[in-house]
Amino acid sequence: MFVNMRALFIFVVFQRIREAWFQSCIYTETDYVCKEIPKDYPAGLTSVIIFVSGLGEIGLSMFNSTNLTSVNSLTMAYQGITAIGPQTFDKFQNLKTLNLDNNHLSQVSSDWFSHQVTLETLRLSNNKITTLDHNSLDGLSNLLNLDLSQNQIHTITPSSLLGLSKLRQLGLTNNKLTHLSMDAFLALNGTKIHLDGNPWDCSCSVNDFAKYLRGLQNASLLENKMLVCCNSPPHLKGVPVWQVPECKTLTTMSPTTTSLTTVSLTTGSPGTGNPATVLITKPLRIGPSTLIILIGRWN
């Protein structure tokens, strides 16, 4: 009897596995998992995971179902996505988390969404993104977590992160950043930033950015701080950027318009009665210190 019950149990389990294998989508305890793009979705879903490799460019037609309005989490990692068309996620009216890790995207655009304000977590690590500009994240005002690590980002324009004052975590680890304008982070407020693994330039021309990182480090907002290191110039390679001393610039004199002031002074050896007329030439506008040349004529 026991053997028969056990055999029946195994048969039922394998039957379920067989049925699941031939289904395009199955329910798990928390997710709706699809190995093919379904024509429609059941109502009441909260989490959707897509496992379809080699998707290439995706657009609105992929998610053209009104039943997606309840979904708050969408995962499409490792799917070979190369581009995303405008309004692709239009039907996701309550989407809070979007995971697009490990694809082939070369850019990120707020045009993907119609309901930008609902999104709280955007994961785009290990793609091929090179630039962030004003249109990249425009309107994502409630974003809390943004992961752009392991891309090829070399440029972040000053307006890229405007409106992201609620952002709590910003991941820029392992990109191609050599320097940044301090203005790029002005909109952030208490954001913990990951900047390690970038080839930072620590020459005097970016001295202000090093000073800004010292401020982040002092406020405990610079994550993995000992790994945020200079790549150039050679004598600073490996030194944490925030530990680089401020550059001391030298004031050099260039030819300028000068004026000539003549002052008569009575000097000479006591008792000789021989005054000296001293001619003082004073170059003007040469910086914090003034060079005075004295030409004396002794009678």
Foldseek 3Di string as FASTA:
>chain_A
DVVVVVVVVVVVVVVVVVVCVPDQWDDDPQEIEGADQDQEDDADHAHYEYNHAPPEEAEQNSHPYLRQCNYQYYEDERRQYAYYDFCNVASPQQHAYYAHEHYAYQAAFPRPYPNLCNYAEYHYEQYAHAEADQGRNPPNLNHAYYAHDHYAHAYYDLNRCANPQNHAEYHHAQYAHAADDPSNCPSYDNHQYEQFNYQHEQDQVRLVRLCVVLVCVVVVRYPPQQRCAHNDDPVGGSGRSVPDDHDDDDQDFDDDDWDWDFDQDADDDPPPPWGKGKTWTWGPDRPDDTDIDIDIDTD
